[in-house]
Amino acid sequence: MTAASTTAVSEIDMQTDVTKFANFCVYVRGIFEHLHILYESTPDTEKEQLFDSARVFFGDLNHILIEYVVLQICKITDPEKQFGKRNHTIEFFVNNADFSATPEKLVRLKHLQASMDGFRSKLKPARDKLISHLDRDAVLADASLGAAATSDWSAFWLHLQEFVAILHDRYVGSPLQINRVGLLSDTDGLIKALRQSSYFETMLRNGDATLKKKCLQVAFGD
């Protein structure tokens, strides 16, 4: 244990802590994948066509997903102790995980923590002034807070993955890769369904009369 810990965490308890933290990180990464697929990796021309089906909904969903991901990242990078309570955060594991047999791994965890704290510092103004609270000055100024480069986001996810992998290997027995877990997002299925619906409507409007009749029969029955 490190000197920063005041209440020792047992090996069994730490295994549970690590498992729950890893699962939560996988969940947050999945939410980020929803955001990435819907709003970043889909080509603009196709995105415009798809979102015409529900423009207000997809616009609102974009803001909701961004705010949620920022909030969750700030939560897992919060200090271990606040308001007399312990938080389930990166600092908690750095302060309480036992790497006495492999001290170089603890050194690596601290290095990863420092990098992720740097990323947190870019997001935190948005969390503090516009997400967790509604700061009047920020609102009146139409402040744009929390911006970070794509390269910063990529580095954060890689560093969080390595952090979780080291902990998971130590306490669970396998180096879990949170960015490679299967079916993080099934948003591709939604995009495919919206795309097919768009094609179907185009065919009904402009297609051959016989083909339109067959399509309607398939969709609605005889």
Protein backbone atom coordinates (compact mmCIF):
# COMPACT_ATOMS: atom_id res chain seq x y z
CA MET A 1 0.00 0.00 0.00
CA THR A 2 1.09 3.56 -0.48
CA ALA A 3 1.34 6.09 2.30
CA ALA A 4 -1.65 7.99 0.89
CA SER A 5 -4.06 5.27 1.97
CA THR A 6 -5.53 5.57 5.46
CA THR A 7 -7.77 2.49 5.33
CA ALA A 8 -6.19 -0.61 3.80
CA VAL A 9 -8.20 -2.41 1.11
CA SER A 10 -7.99 -6.21 1.25
CA GLU A 11 -6.92 -8.30 -1.71
CA ILE A 12 -10.43 -9.71 -2.12
CA ASP A 13 -12.08 -6.31 -1.85
CA MET A 14 -9.64 -4.83 -4.34
CA GLN A 15 -10.45 -7.58 -6.83
CA THR A 16 -14.10 -6.56 -6.60
CA ASP A 17 -13.16 -2.89 -6.88
CA VAL A 18 -11.10 -3.52 -10.00
CA THR A 19 -13.80 -5.64 -11.63
CA LYS A 20 -16.48 -3.03 -11.04
CA PHE A 21 -14.24 -0.19 -12.18
CA ALA A 22 -13.25 -2.07 -15.34
CA ASN A 23 -16.89 -2.79 -16.14
CA PHE A 24 -17.76 0.86 -15.66
CA CYS A 25 -14.93 1.94 -17.97
CA VAL A 26 -16.19 -0.49 -20.62
CA TYR A 27 -19.65 1.04 -20.25
CA VAL A 28 -18.34 4.61 -20.66
CA ARG A 29 -16.26 3.57 -23.66
CA GLY A 30 -19.43 2.08 -25.17
CA ILE A 31 -21.27 5.39 -24.74
CA PHE A 32 -18.37 7.13 -26.45
CA GLU A 33 -18.62 4.63 -29.32
CA HIS A 34 -22.32 5.51 -29.77
CA LEU A 35 -21.26 9.16 -30.06
CA HIS A 36 -18.33 8.45 -32.37
CA ILE A 37 -20.28 6.25 -34.78
CA LEU A 38 -23.33 8.50 -34.99
CA TYR A 39 -21.62 11.86 -35.26
CA GLU A 40 -18.02 11.36 -36.35
CA SER A 41 -17.36 8.22 -38.40
CA THR A 42 -20.54 8.38 -40.50
CA PRO A 43 -19.92 10.35 -43.73
CA ASP A 44 -21.51 13.82 -43.69
CA THR A 45 -23.63 13.23 -46.79
CA GLU A 46 -25.05 10.01 -45.38
CA LYS A 47 -25.43 11.52 -41.90
CA GLU A 48 -27.52 14.35 -43.31
CA GLN A 49 -29.75 11.89 -45.11
CA LEU A 50 -30.19 9.73 -42.02
CA PHE A 51 -30.80 12.57 -39.58
CA ASP A 52 -33.51 14.09 -41.76
CA SER A 53 -35.70 11.38 -40.25
CA ALA A 54 -35.51 13.03 -36.78
CA ARG A 55 -33.31 16.10 -36.83
CA VAL A 56 -34.30 17.52 -33.43
CA PHE A 57 -33.89 14.16 -31.70
CA PHE A 58 -30.44 13.50 -33.14
CA GLY A 59 -29.37 17.07 -32.40
CA ASP A 60 -30.43 16.74 -28.77
CA LEU A 61 -28.89 13.27 -28.52
CA ASN A 62 -25.56 14.65 -29.68
CA HIS A 63 -25.48 17.16 -26.80
CA ILE A 64 -26.68 14.55 -24.30
CA LEU A 65 -23.99 12.03 -25.23
CA ILE A 66 -21.21 14.64 -25.19
CA GLU A 67 -22.22 15.91 -21.75
CA TYR A 68 -22.60 12.40 -20.38
CA VAL A 69 -19.17 11.24 -21.56
CA VAL A 70 -17.50 14.39 -20.20
CA LEU A 71 -19.26 13.91 -16.86
CA GLN A 72 -18.24 10.26 -16.53
CA ILE A 73 -14.60 10.95 -17.42
CA CYS A 74 -14.46 13.71 -14.83
CA LYS A 75 -16.01 11.34 -12.27
CA ILE A 76 -13.40 8.60 -12.70
CA THR A 77 -10.60 11.19 -12.55
CA ASP A 78 -11.94 12.89 -9.41
CA PRO A 79 -9.81 12.83 -6.24
CA GLU A 80 -10.06 9.71 -4.10
CA LYS A 81 -11.54 11.63 -1.16
CA GLN A 82 -14.15 14.37 -1.26
CA PHE A 83 -16.60 15.58 1.37
CA GLY A 84 -15.57 12.83 3.77
CA LYS A 85 -16.29 10.05 1.25
CA ARG A 86 -14.11 7.84 -0.92
CA ASN A 87 -14.57 7.94 -4.67
CA HIS A 88 -14.12 4.97 -6.98
CA THR A 89 -11.55 6.72 -9.14
CA ILE A 90 -8.18 6.38 -10.78
CA GLU A 91 -6.54 8.04 -7.78
CA PHE A 92 -8.18 5.50 -5.46
CA PHE A 93 -6.44 2.66 -7.29
CA VAL A 94 -3.09 4.42 -7.45
CA ASN A 95 -3.28 5.01 -3.70
CA ASN A 96 -4.56 1.59 -2.66
CA ALA A 97 -3.55 -1.11 -5.14
CA ASP A 98 -0.67 -3.28 -3.93
CA PHE A 99 2.16 -3.46 -6.46
CA SER A 100 4.92 -4.09 -3.92
CA ALA A 101 6.05 -7.12 -5.95
CA THR A 102 6.19 -5.11 -9.20
CA PRO A 103 6.87 -1.47 -8.25
CA GLU A 104 7.58 -0.51 -11.84
CA LYS A 105 3.89 -1.09 -12.61
CA LEU A 106 2.86 1.34 -9.91
CA VAL A 107 5.24 3.87 -11.43
CA ARG A 108 3.51 3.30 -14.78
CA LEU A 109 0.05 3.73 -13.20
CA LYS A 110 1.13 7.07 -11.75
CA HIS A 111 2.44 8.18 -15.13
CA LEU A 112 -0.86 7.23 -16.79
CA GLN A 113 -2.75 9.01 -14.03
CA ALA A 114 -0.79 12.20 -14.64
CA SER A 115 -1.59 12.07 -18.35
CA MET A 116 -5.29 11.47 -17.73
CA ASP A 117 -5.36 14.26 -15.16
CA GLY A 118 -4.03 16.58 -17.87
CA PHE A 119 -6.91 15.57 -20.13
CA ARG A 120 -9.34 16.01 -17.25
CA SER A 121 -8.17 19.60 -16.81
CA LYS A 122 -9.44 20.35 -20.32
CA LEU A 123 -12.89 18.87 -19.69
CA LYS A 124 -13.41 19.99 -16.10
CA PRO A 125 -14.51 23.60 -16.83
CA ALA A 126 -17.39 22.23 -18.90
CA ARG A 127 -18.32 19.75 -16.17
CA ASP A 128 -18.16 22.39 -13.41
CA LYS A 129 -19.85 25.30 -15.17
CA LEU A 130 -22.26 23.79 -17.71
CA ILE A 131 -22.96 20.12 -16.88
CA SER A 132 -22.93 19.54 -13.12
CA HIS A 133 -23.84 23.19 -12.51
CA LEU A 134 -25.20 26.04 -14.58
CA ASP A 135 -22.79 28.90 -13.96
CA ARG A 136 -24.54 32.20 -14.70
CA ASP A 137 -21.45 33.96 -16.05
CA ALA A 138 -20.69 31.04 -18.37
CA VAL A 139 -24.30 30.96 -19.59
CA LEU A 140 -24.47 34.69 -20.27
CA ALA A 141 -21.13 34.60 -22.06
CA ASP A 142 -22.25 31.66 -24.24
CA ALA A 143 -19.01 30.07 -23.12
CA SER A 144 -17.64 27.14 -25.10
CA LEU A 145 -15.88 24.94 -22.56
CA GLY A 146 -14.29 21.51 -22.51
CA ALA A 147 -12.82 21.43 -26.00
CA ALA A 148 -10.06 18.89 -26.62
CA ALA A 149 -8.30 17.75 -29.77
CA THR A 150 -9.11 14.38 -31.33
CA SER A 151 -5.54 13.29 -30.55
CA ASP A 152 -6.14 14.09 -26.86
CA TRP A 153 -9.26 11.93 -26.82
CA SER A 154 -7.41 9.07 -28.50
CA ALA A 155 -4.55 9.31 -26.01
CA PHE A 156 -6.96 9.33 -23.07
CA TRP A 157 -8.71 6.13 -24.16
CA LEU A 158 -5.39 4.38 -24.76
CA HIS A 159 -4.07 5.45 -21.36
CA LEU A 160 -7.27 4.43 -19.58
CA GLN A 161 -7.14 1.09 -21.35
CA GLU A 162 -3.57 0.50 -20.22
CA PHE A 163 -4.41 1.60 -16.67
CA VAL A 164 -7.33 -0.83 -16.45
CA ALA A 165 -5.31 -3.61 -18.09
CA ILE A 166 -2.54 -3.36 -15.47
CA LEU A 167 -5.03 -3.43 -12.61
CA HIS A 168 -7.12 -6.19 -14.15
CA ASP A 169 -4.06 -8.35 -14.79
CA ARG A 170 -2.88 -7.88 -11.19
CA TYR A 171 -6.17 -8.59 -9.44
CA VAL A 172 -8.29 -10.59 -11.89
CA GLY A 173 -5.64 -12.43 -13.86
CA SER A 174 -6.06 -11.03 -17.38
CA PRO A 175 -5.14 -7.67 -18.97
CA LEU A 176 -8.61 -6.52 -20.04
CA GLN A 177 -8.55 -4.22 -23.09
CA ILE A 178 -11.56 -1.93 -22.64
CA ASN A 179 -11.37 -0.51 -26.17
CA ARG A 180 -11.54 -3.98 -27.73
CA VAL A 181 -14.47 -5.49 -25.87
CA GLY A 182 -16.97 -6.95 -28.32
CA LEU A 183 -20.22 -5.14 -29.08
CA LEU A 184 -19.32 -1.91 -27.32
CA SER A 185 -21.96 -0.31 -29.52
CA ASP A 186 -24.64 -1.58 -31.87
CA THR A 187 -25.22 1.89 -33.33
CA ASP A 188 -24.22 0.54 -36.74
CA GLY A 189 -27.47 -1.41 -36.69
CA LEU A 190 -29.48 1.76 -36.12
CA ILE A 191 -27.69 3.55 -38.97
CA LYS A 192 -28.30 0.57 -41.27
CA ALA A 193 -32.02 0.54 -40.39
CA LEU A 194 -32.34 4.29 -40.99
CA ARG A 195 -30.44 3.99 -44.25
CA GLN A 196 -32.67 1.16 -45.48
CA SER A 197 -35.76 3.14 -44.48
CA SER A 198 -34.48 6.09 -46.50
CA TYR A 199 -33.86 3.88 -49.53
CA PHE A 200 -37.31 2.34 -49.12
CA GLU A 201 -39.02 5.74 -49.10
CA THR A 202 -37.03 6.85 -52.15
CA MET A 203 -38.06 3.71 -53.98
CA LEU A 204 -41.72 4.27 -53.08
CA ARG A 205 -41.60 7.85 -54.36
CA ASN A 206 -39.61 7.30 -57.53
CA GLY A 207 -39.55 3.60 -58.30
CA ASP A 208 -41.35 1.42 -60.79
CA ALA A 209 -45.08 0.99 -60.04
CA THR A 210 -44.88 -2.81 -59.93
CA LEU A 211 -41.85 -2.69 -57.63
CA LYS A 212 -43.60 -0.18 -55.36
CA LYS A 213 -46.58 -2.50 -55.08
CA LYS A 214 -44.36 -5.43 -54.12
CA CYS A 215 -42.52 -3.30 -51.53
CA LEU A 216 -45.80 -2.24 -49.96
CA GLN A 217 -46.94 -5.85 -49.86
CA VAL A 218 -43.73 -6.86 -48.06
CA ALA A 219 -44.03 -3.98 -45.60
CA PHE A 220 -47.72 -4.11 -44.84
CA GLY A 221 -48.95 -7.47 -46.13
CA ASP A 222 -51.62 -8.15 -48.72
